[in-house]
N, C-alpha and C. Protein backbone atom coordinates (compact mmCIF):
# COMPACT_ATOMS: atom_id res chain seq x y z
N MET A 1 3.45 -142.88 26.59
CA MET A 1 4.34 -142.16 25.70
C MET A 1 5.70 -142.81 25.72
N THR A 2 6.24 -143.11 24.55
CA THR A 2 7.55 -143.75 24.50
C THR A 2 8.63 -142.70 24.40
N THR A 3 9.76 -143.02 25.02
CA THR A 3 10.90 -142.10 24.95
C THR A 3 11.97 -142.63 24.03
N ASN A 4 11.80 -143.86 23.56
CA ASN A 4 12.77 -144.46 22.65
C ASN A 4 12.39 -144.11 21.21
N THR A 5 12.86 -142.97 20.75
CA THR A 5 12.54 -142.51 19.41
C THR A 5 13.63 -142.99 18.46
N GLU A 6 13.23 -143.82 17.52
CA GLU A 6 14.17 -144.32 16.53
C GLU A 6 14.54 -143.19 15.59
N PRO A 7 15.75 -143.22 15.04
CA PRO A 7 16.17 -142.13 14.13
C PRO A 7 15.20 -141.84 12.99
N PRO A 8 14.64 -142.85 12.29
CA PRO A 8 13.70 -142.49 11.22
C PRO A 8 12.47 -141.74 11.74
N LEU A 9 11.97 -142.10 12.92
CA LEU A 9 10.83 -141.40 13.49
C LEU A 9 11.24 -140.00 13.94
N ALA A 10 12.44 -139.87 14.47
CA ALA A 10 12.94 -138.54 14.86
C ALA A 10 13.08 -137.65 13.62
N ASP A 11 13.52 -138.24 12.52
CA ASP A 11 13.64 -137.47 11.28
C ASP A 11 12.26 -137.01 10.80
N LEU A 12 11.28 -137.92 10.87
CA LEU A 12 9.92 -137.55 10.48
C LEU A 12 9.38 -136.47 11.39
N ALA A 13 9.62 -136.61 12.68
CA ALA A 13 9.15 -135.60 13.64
C ALA A 13 9.73 -134.23 13.30
N ARG A 14 11.01 -134.18 13.01
CA ARG A 14 11.65 -132.91 12.65
C ARG A 14 11.06 -132.33 11.37
N GLU A 15 10.87 -133.17 10.36
CA GLU A 15 10.31 -132.69 9.09
C GLU A 15 8.90 -132.15 9.26
N VAL A 16 8.06 -132.86 10.01
CA VAL A 16 6.69 -132.40 10.24
C VAL A 16 6.70 -131.10 11.02
N ARG A 17 7.54 -131.03 12.06
CA ARG A 17 7.62 -129.81 12.88
C ARG A 17 8.08 -128.62 12.04
N ILE A 18 9.13 -128.79 11.27
CA ILE A 18 9.66 -127.69 10.46
C ILE A 18 8.65 -127.25 9.40
N ALA A 19 8.03 -128.21 8.74
CA ALA A 19 7.03 -127.87 7.72
C ALA A 19 5.83 -127.15 8.35
N SER A 20 5.41 -127.62 9.53
CA SER A 20 4.27 -126.99 10.21
C SER A 20 4.61 -125.57 10.62
N GLN A 21 5.80 -125.36 11.14
CA GLN A 21 6.21 -124.02 11.56
C GLN A 21 6.29 -123.08 10.36
N ALA A 22 6.85 -123.57 9.25
CA ALA A 22 6.96 -122.74 8.05
C ALA A 22 5.58 -122.39 7.51
N LEU A 23 4.68 -123.36 7.51
CA LEU A 23 3.32 -123.11 7.05
C LEU A 23 2.63 -122.08 7.94
N THR A 24 2.77 -122.23 9.23
CA THR A 24 2.16 -121.28 10.17
C THR A 24 2.68 -119.88 9.92
N ARG A 25 3.99 -119.75 9.75
CA ARG A 25 4.57 -118.42 9.48
C ARG A 25 4.00 -117.81 8.21
N ARG A 26 3.95 -118.60 7.14
CA ARG A 26 3.45 -118.09 5.86
C ARG A 26 1.98 -117.71 5.94
N VAL A 27 1.18 -118.51 6.63
CA VAL A 27 -0.24 -118.19 6.77
C VAL A 27 -0.41 -116.89 7.55
N LYS A 28 0.35 -116.73 8.64
CA LYS A 28 0.27 -115.51 9.44
C LYS A 28 0.64 -114.29 8.62
N GLU A 29 1.58 -114.44 7.71
CA GLU A 29 2.00 -113.32 6.86
C GLU A 29 0.91 -112.91 5.88
N ASN A 30 -0.07 -113.75 5.68
CA ASN A 30 -1.10 -113.49 4.69
C ASN A 30 -2.44 -113.12 5.29
N THR A 31 -2.39 -112.45 6.42
CA THR A 31 -3.56 -111.77 6.98
C THR A 31 -3.29 -110.30 6.69
N LEU A 32 -3.72 -109.86 5.54
CA LEU A 32 -3.30 -108.56 5.03
C LEU A 32 -3.79 -107.38 5.85
N GLY A 33 -4.97 -107.50 6.44
CA GLY A 33 -5.55 -106.38 7.15
C GLY A 33 -4.99 -106.14 8.54
N LEU A 34 -4.35 -107.15 9.12
CA LEU A 34 -3.87 -107.05 10.50
C LEU A 34 -2.53 -107.75 10.67
N ALA A 35 -1.69 -107.14 11.49
CA ALA A 35 -0.45 -107.80 11.88
C ALA A 35 -0.80 -109.05 12.67
N PRO A 36 0.02 -110.10 12.58
CA PRO A 36 -0.30 -111.35 13.27
C PRO A 36 -0.59 -111.20 14.76
N HIS A 37 0.15 -110.36 15.46
CA HIS A 37 -0.08 -110.25 16.90
C HIS A 37 -1.43 -109.60 17.21
N LEU A 38 -1.89 -108.71 16.34
CA LEU A 38 -3.21 -108.10 16.53
C LEU A 38 -4.32 -109.11 16.25
N PHE A 39 -4.15 -109.85 15.18
CA PHE A 39 -5.14 -110.85 14.80
C PHE A 39 -5.30 -111.90 15.90
N THR A 40 -4.18 -112.35 16.44
CA THR A 40 -4.22 -113.39 17.48
C THR A 40 -4.99 -112.92 18.71
N VAL A 41 -4.81 -111.68 19.10
CA VAL A 41 -5.53 -111.16 20.27
C VAL A 41 -7.03 -111.14 19.99
N LEU A 42 -7.41 -110.73 18.79
CA LEU A 42 -8.83 -110.73 18.45
C LEU A 42 -9.41 -112.15 18.51
N VAL A 43 -8.64 -113.11 18.05
CA VAL A 43 -9.10 -114.51 18.09
C VAL A 43 -9.28 -114.96 19.54
N TRP A 44 -8.34 -114.60 20.43
CA TRP A 44 -8.49 -114.94 21.85
C TRP A 44 -9.80 -114.35 22.39
N LEU A 45 -10.12 -113.13 21.98
CA LEU A 45 -11.31 -112.46 22.51
C LEU A 45 -12.61 -113.04 21.97
N GLU A 46 -12.54 -113.82 20.91
CA GLU A 46 -13.74 -114.49 20.42
C GLU A 46 -14.31 -115.42 21.49
N ALA A 47 -13.45 -115.97 22.32
CA ALA A 47 -13.89 -116.89 23.37
C ALA A 47 -14.62 -116.15 24.49
N GLY A 48 -14.44 -114.83 24.55
CA GLY A 48 -15.11 -114.04 25.57
C GLY A 48 -14.21 -112.93 26.08
N PRO A 49 -14.78 -112.02 26.85
CA PRO A 49 -14.01 -110.89 27.38
C PRO A 49 -12.84 -111.37 28.23
N ALA A 50 -11.81 -110.53 28.29
CA ALA A 50 -10.61 -110.85 29.07
C ALA A 50 -9.95 -109.56 29.50
N THR A 51 -9.11 -109.66 30.50
CA THR A 51 -8.30 -108.49 30.87
C THR A 51 -7.04 -108.50 30.01
N ALA A 52 -6.38 -107.36 29.96
CA ALA A 52 -5.11 -107.29 29.22
C ALA A 52 -4.10 -108.24 29.85
N ALA A 53 -4.15 -108.40 31.16
CA ALA A 53 -3.23 -109.33 31.83
C ALA A 53 -3.50 -110.77 31.38
N ASP A 54 -4.77 -111.14 31.25
CA ASP A 54 -5.12 -112.48 30.75
C ASP A 54 -4.56 -112.67 29.34
N LEU A 55 -4.77 -111.67 28.50
CA LEU A 55 -4.30 -111.75 27.11
C LEU A 55 -2.77 -111.83 27.05
N ALA A 56 -2.10 -111.05 27.90
CA ALA A 56 -0.64 -111.09 27.95
C ALA A 56 -0.16 -112.49 28.32
N GLY A 57 -0.86 -113.12 29.25
CA GLY A 57 -0.51 -114.49 29.63
C GLY A 57 -0.69 -115.47 28.49
N HIS A 58 -1.79 -115.34 27.77
CA HIS A 58 -2.03 -116.22 26.62
C HIS A 58 -0.94 -116.06 25.56
N GLU A 59 -0.56 -114.83 25.33
CA GLU A 59 0.40 -114.53 24.27
C GLU A 59 1.86 -114.56 24.74
N ARG A 60 2.04 -114.71 26.04
CA ARG A 60 3.38 -114.75 26.63
C ARG A 60 4.18 -113.49 26.31
N VAL A 61 3.52 -112.36 26.54
CA VAL A 61 4.17 -111.06 26.37
C VAL A 61 3.99 -110.27 27.67
N SER A 62 4.70 -109.18 27.77
CA SER A 62 4.60 -108.35 28.98
C SER A 62 3.27 -107.62 29.01
N ALA A 63 2.86 -107.23 30.21
CA ALA A 63 1.62 -106.46 30.36
C ALA A 63 1.69 -105.14 29.60
N PRO A 64 2.81 -104.39 29.67
CA PRO A 64 2.87 -103.14 28.90
C PRO A 64 2.75 -103.37 27.39
N SER A 65 3.35 -104.45 26.90
CA SER A 65 3.26 -104.77 25.47
C SER A 65 1.81 -105.05 25.08
N MET A 66 1.11 -105.83 25.92
CA MET A 66 -0.29 -106.15 25.61
C MET A 66 -1.16 -104.91 25.73
N SER A 67 -0.86 -104.05 26.67
CA SER A 67 -1.62 -102.81 26.82
C SER A 67 -1.51 -101.98 25.55
N LYS A 68 -0.33 -101.94 24.98
CA LYS A 68 -0.12 -101.20 23.72
C LYS A 68 -0.92 -101.85 22.58
N THR A 69 -0.89 -103.18 22.53
CA THR A 69 -1.65 -103.91 21.50
C THR A 69 -3.14 -103.65 21.63
N VAL A 70 -3.65 -103.74 22.85
CA VAL A 70 -5.08 -103.50 23.10
C VAL A 70 -5.43 -102.06 22.74
N GLY A 71 -4.53 -101.12 23.05
CA GLY A 71 -4.77 -99.72 22.68
C GLY A 71 -4.89 -99.54 21.17
N GLU A 72 -4.02 -100.21 20.43
CA GLU A 72 -4.09 -100.13 18.97
C GLU A 72 -5.39 -100.74 18.44
N LEU A 73 -5.78 -101.87 19.00
CA LEU A 73 -7.04 -102.50 18.58
C LEU A 73 -8.24 -101.62 18.93
N GLU A 74 -8.16 -100.95 20.07
CA GLU A 74 -9.24 -100.05 20.47
C GLU A 74 -9.32 -98.85 19.53
N GLU A 75 -8.17 -98.30 19.15
CA GLU A 75 -8.15 -97.18 18.21
C GLU A 75 -8.78 -97.56 16.87
N ARG A 76 -8.60 -98.80 16.47
CA ARG A 76 -9.18 -99.28 15.20
C ARG A 76 -10.65 -99.64 15.34
N GLY A 77 -11.16 -99.63 16.57
CA GLY A 77 -12.56 -99.95 16.81
C GLY A 77 -12.86 -101.44 16.89
N TYR A 78 -11.81 -102.27 17.06
CA TYR A 78 -11.99 -103.72 17.10
C TYR A 78 -12.29 -104.25 18.50
N VAL A 79 -11.90 -103.49 19.52
CA VAL A 79 -12.18 -103.90 20.89
C VAL A 79 -12.67 -102.69 21.68
N ALA A 80 -13.30 -102.99 22.80
CA ALA A 80 -13.73 -101.94 23.73
C ALA A 80 -13.22 -102.34 25.12
N ARG A 81 -12.88 -101.33 25.91
CA ARG A 81 -12.43 -101.58 27.28
C ARG A 81 -13.44 -100.98 28.24
N GLN A 82 -13.77 -101.75 29.27
CA GLN A 82 -14.69 -101.29 30.31
C GLN A 82 -14.11 -101.67 31.67
N THR A 83 -14.44 -100.90 32.66
CA THR A 83 -13.96 -101.19 34.01
C THR A 83 -14.51 -102.52 34.49
N ASP A 84 -13.63 -103.32 35.06
CA ASP A 84 -14.01 -104.61 35.63
C ASP A 84 -14.89 -104.36 36.85
N PRO A 85 -16.11 -104.89 36.88
CA PRO A 85 -17.00 -104.64 38.02
C PRO A 85 -16.48 -105.22 39.34
N THR A 86 -15.56 -106.19 39.27
CA THR A 86 -15.02 -106.78 40.50
C THR A 86 -13.69 -106.18 40.93
N ASP A 87 -13.08 -105.36 40.03
CA ASP A 87 -11.79 -104.74 40.35
C ASP A 87 -11.69 -103.43 39.57
N ALA A 88 -11.94 -102.33 40.22
CA ALA A 88 -11.99 -101.03 39.55
C ALA A 88 -10.66 -100.64 38.91
N ARG A 89 -9.57 -101.30 39.30
CA ARG A 89 -8.26 -100.99 38.71
C ARG A 89 -8.07 -101.67 37.36
N ALA A 90 -8.85 -102.71 37.09
CA ALA A 90 -8.67 -103.51 35.87
C ALA A 90 -9.70 -103.13 34.81
N LYS A 91 -9.34 -103.39 33.58
CA LYS A 91 -10.24 -103.16 32.45
C LYS A 91 -10.54 -104.50 31.78
N ILE A 92 -11.78 -104.68 31.41
CA ILE A 92 -12.21 -105.86 30.66
C ILE A 92 -12.22 -105.47 29.18
N VAL A 93 -11.59 -106.30 28.37
CA VAL A 93 -11.50 -106.06 26.92
C VAL A 93 -12.51 -106.97 26.24
N THR A 94 -13.34 -106.39 25.37
CA THR A 94 -14.33 -107.17 24.63
C THR A 94 -14.18 -106.90 23.14
N LEU A 95 -14.56 -107.87 22.38
CA LEU A 95 -14.54 -107.78 20.92
C LEU A 95 -15.77 -107.01 20.46
N THR A 96 -15.59 -106.05 19.57
CA THR A 96 -16.71 -105.31 19.01
C THR A 96 -17.20 -106.01 17.74
N PRO A 97 -18.37 -105.63 17.22
CA PRO A 97 -18.81 -106.20 15.95
C PRO A 97 -17.77 -105.99 14.84
N SER A 98 -17.11 -104.84 14.84
CA SER A 98 -16.06 -104.58 13.86
C SER A 98 -14.89 -105.54 14.05
N GLY A 99 -14.58 -105.86 15.30
CA GLY A 99 -13.52 -106.82 15.60
C GLY A 99 -13.88 -108.21 15.12
N ARG A 100 -15.14 -108.59 15.28
CA ARG A 100 -15.59 -109.90 14.78
C ARG A 100 -15.48 -109.97 13.26
N ARG A 101 -15.81 -108.87 12.60
CA ARG A 101 -15.67 -108.84 11.14
C ARG A 101 -14.20 -108.94 10.74
N ALA A 102 -13.31 -108.30 11.50
CA ALA A 102 -11.88 -108.37 11.20
C ALA A 102 -11.36 -109.80 11.34
N VAL A 103 -11.84 -110.53 12.34
CA VAL A 103 -11.43 -111.93 12.51
C VAL A 103 -11.92 -112.75 11.33
N SER A 104 -13.17 -112.55 10.96
CA SER A 104 -13.74 -113.28 9.83
C SER A 104 -12.98 -112.98 8.55
N GLN A 105 -12.67 -111.70 8.33
CA GLN A 105 -11.91 -111.30 7.14
C GLN A 105 -10.51 -111.89 7.16
N GLY A 106 -9.86 -111.87 8.32
CA GLY A 106 -8.52 -112.44 8.43
C GLY A 106 -8.50 -113.92 8.13
N ARG A 107 -9.48 -114.62 8.64
CA ARG A 107 -9.56 -116.06 8.35
C ARG A 107 -9.80 -116.30 6.87
N ALA A 108 -10.66 -115.49 6.27
CA ALA A 108 -10.94 -115.64 4.84
C ALA A 108 -9.67 -115.38 4.02
N GLU A 109 -8.89 -114.37 4.41
CA GLU A 109 -7.63 -114.08 3.70
C GLU A 109 -6.67 -115.25 3.80
N ARG A 110 -6.56 -115.81 5.00
CA ARG A 110 -5.66 -116.94 5.21
C ARG A 110 -6.12 -118.16 4.41
N ASP A 111 -7.43 -118.42 4.45
CA ASP A 111 -7.96 -119.57 3.70
C ASP A 111 -7.78 -119.38 2.20
N HIS A 112 -7.98 -118.15 1.72
CA HIS A 112 -7.81 -117.87 0.29
C HIS A 112 -6.36 -118.11 -0.12
N TRP A 113 -5.42 -117.61 0.68
CA TRP A 113 -4.01 -117.82 0.37
C TRP A 113 -3.69 -119.31 0.32
N MET A 114 -4.18 -120.06 1.31
CA MET A 114 -3.91 -121.50 1.37
C MET A 114 -4.56 -122.22 0.19
N ALA A 115 -5.80 -121.85 -0.14
CA ALA A 115 -6.49 -122.48 -1.27
C ALA A 115 -5.74 -122.24 -2.57
N ASP A 116 -5.19 -121.06 -2.74
CA ASP A 116 -4.38 -120.78 -3.94
C ASP A 116 -3.19 -121.72 -4.03
N ARG A 117 -2.53 -121.98 -2.89
CA ARG A 117 -1.38 -122.89 -2.89
C ARG A 117 -1.84 -124.31 -3.21
N LEU A 118 -2.95 -124.72 -2.61
CA LEU A 118 -3.44 -126.09 -2.81
C LEU A 118 -3.92 -126.31 -4.24
N ALA A 119 -4.40 -125.25 -4.89
CA ALA A 119 -4.87 -125.37 -6.27
C ALA A 119 -3.74 -125.75 -7.22
N GLU A 120 -2.52 -125.49 -6.82
CA GLU A 120 -1.35 -125.81 -7.65
C GLU A 120 -0.98 -127.29 -7.58
N LEU A 121 -1.60 -128.03 -6.65
CA LEU A 121 -1.28 -129.44 -6.46
C LEU A 121 -2.17 -130.32 -7.33
N THR A 122 -1.71 -131.53 -7.55
CA THR A 122 -2.53 -132.49 -8.29
C THR A 122 -3.67 -132.96 -7.37
N PRO A 123 -4.72 -133.51 -7.95
CA PRO A 123 -5.79 -134.07 -7.11
C PRO A 123 -5.26 -135.12 -6.13
N ALA A 124 -4.32 -135.94 -6.56
CA ALA A 124 -3.75 -136.96 -5.66
C ALA A 124 -3.03 -136.30 -4.49
N GLU A 125 -2.29 -135.24 -4.75
CA GLU A 125 -1.58 -134.52 -3.68
C GLU A 125 -2.58 -133.85 -2.73
N GLN A 126 -3.64 -133.30 -3.29
CA GLN A 126 -4.67 -132.68 -2.45
C GLN A 126 -5.30 -133.72 -1.53
N ASN A 127 -5.59 -134.91 -2.06
CA ASN A 127 -6.16 -135.98 -1.23
C ASN A 127 -5.18 -136.43 -0.16
N LEU A 128 -3.90 -136.51 -0.52
CA LEU A 128 -2.87 -136.89 0.44
C LEU A 128 -2.83 -135.87 1.58
N LEU A 129 -2.89 -134.59 1.26
CA LEU A 129 -2.88 -133.56 2.30
C LEU A 129 -4.15 -133.59 3.15
N ARG A 130 -5.28 -133.90 2.54
CA ARG A 130 -6.53 -134.01 3.29
C ARG A 130 -6.38 -135.12 4.36
N ASP A 131 -5.83 -136.25 3.93
CA ASP A 131 -5.62 -137.35 4.88
C ASP A 131 -4.58 -136.97 5.93
N ALA A 132 -3.50 -136.33 5.51
CA ALA A 132 -2.44 -135.92 6.44
C ALA A 132 -2.96 -134.90 7.45
N ALA A 133 -3.83 -134.00 7.01
CA ALA A 133 -4.40 -133.00 7.92
C ALA A 133 -5.20 -133.68 9.03
N ALA A 134 -5.94 -134.72 8.66
CA ALA A 134 -6.72 -135.45 9.68
C ALA A 134 -5.77 -136.13 10.67
N VAL A 135 -4.68 -136.68 10.19
CA VAL A 135 -3.70 -137.32 11.08
C VAL A 135 -3.06 -136.28 11.98
N LEU A 136 -2.68 -135.13 11.43
CA LEU A 136 -2.06 -134.07 12.23
C LEU A 136 -3.01 -133.57 13.31
N ARG A 137 -4.29 -133.45 12.99
CA ARG A 137 -5.26 -133.04 14.01
C ARG A 137 -5.28 -134.04 15.16
N ARG A 138 -5.23 -135.34 14.82
CA ARG A 138 -5.19 -136.37 15.88
C ARG A 138 -3.93 -136.23 16.73
N VAL A 139 -2.81 -135.96 16.08
CA VAL A 139 -1.55 -135.81 16.81
C VAL A 139 -1.61 -134.64 17.79
N VAL A 140 -2.09 -133.50 17.35
CA VAL A 140 -2.09 -132.32 18.22
C VAL A 140 -3.21 -132.33 19.25
N GLU A 141 -4.27 -133.08 19.00
CA GLU A 141 -5.38 -133.16 19.95
C GLU A 141 -5.19 -134.26 20.98
N HIS A 142 -4.17 -135.10 20.82
CA HIS A 142 -3.89 -136.18 21.77
C HIS A 142 -3.42 -135.57 23.09
N PRO A 143 -3.99 -136.03 24.19
CA PRO A 143 -3.60 -135.44 25.50
C PRO A 143 -2.19 -135.64 25.87
């Protein structure tokens, strides 16, 4: 990794970062059925059951805040809580079938919103973004 970042590369880095952050914000705003913080927790749970403490760590929020989020998701029927067999004080949070449908619906809403934006572009611009998306994936997946 080089630390000598030339100004033009630093400018590109800033532009890509700002555009990516703005895109992420706009996409999150277009999950109509769920607030972004609720949707994100459901996505974490797709990987498997977790405790509220685990989820709080992933989301970098306090345990009481995550407990409130999990409670709201449980009220909606998207998650279930069960006593941890290895620690009776802890609860394991699992995604319900309804929660899986909510994740699928949220992703579909986000993809639909993005597709609508992309439809406004020329075919050449769409191809440019397709190529750029592949490059961005390489950038973020690099160790």
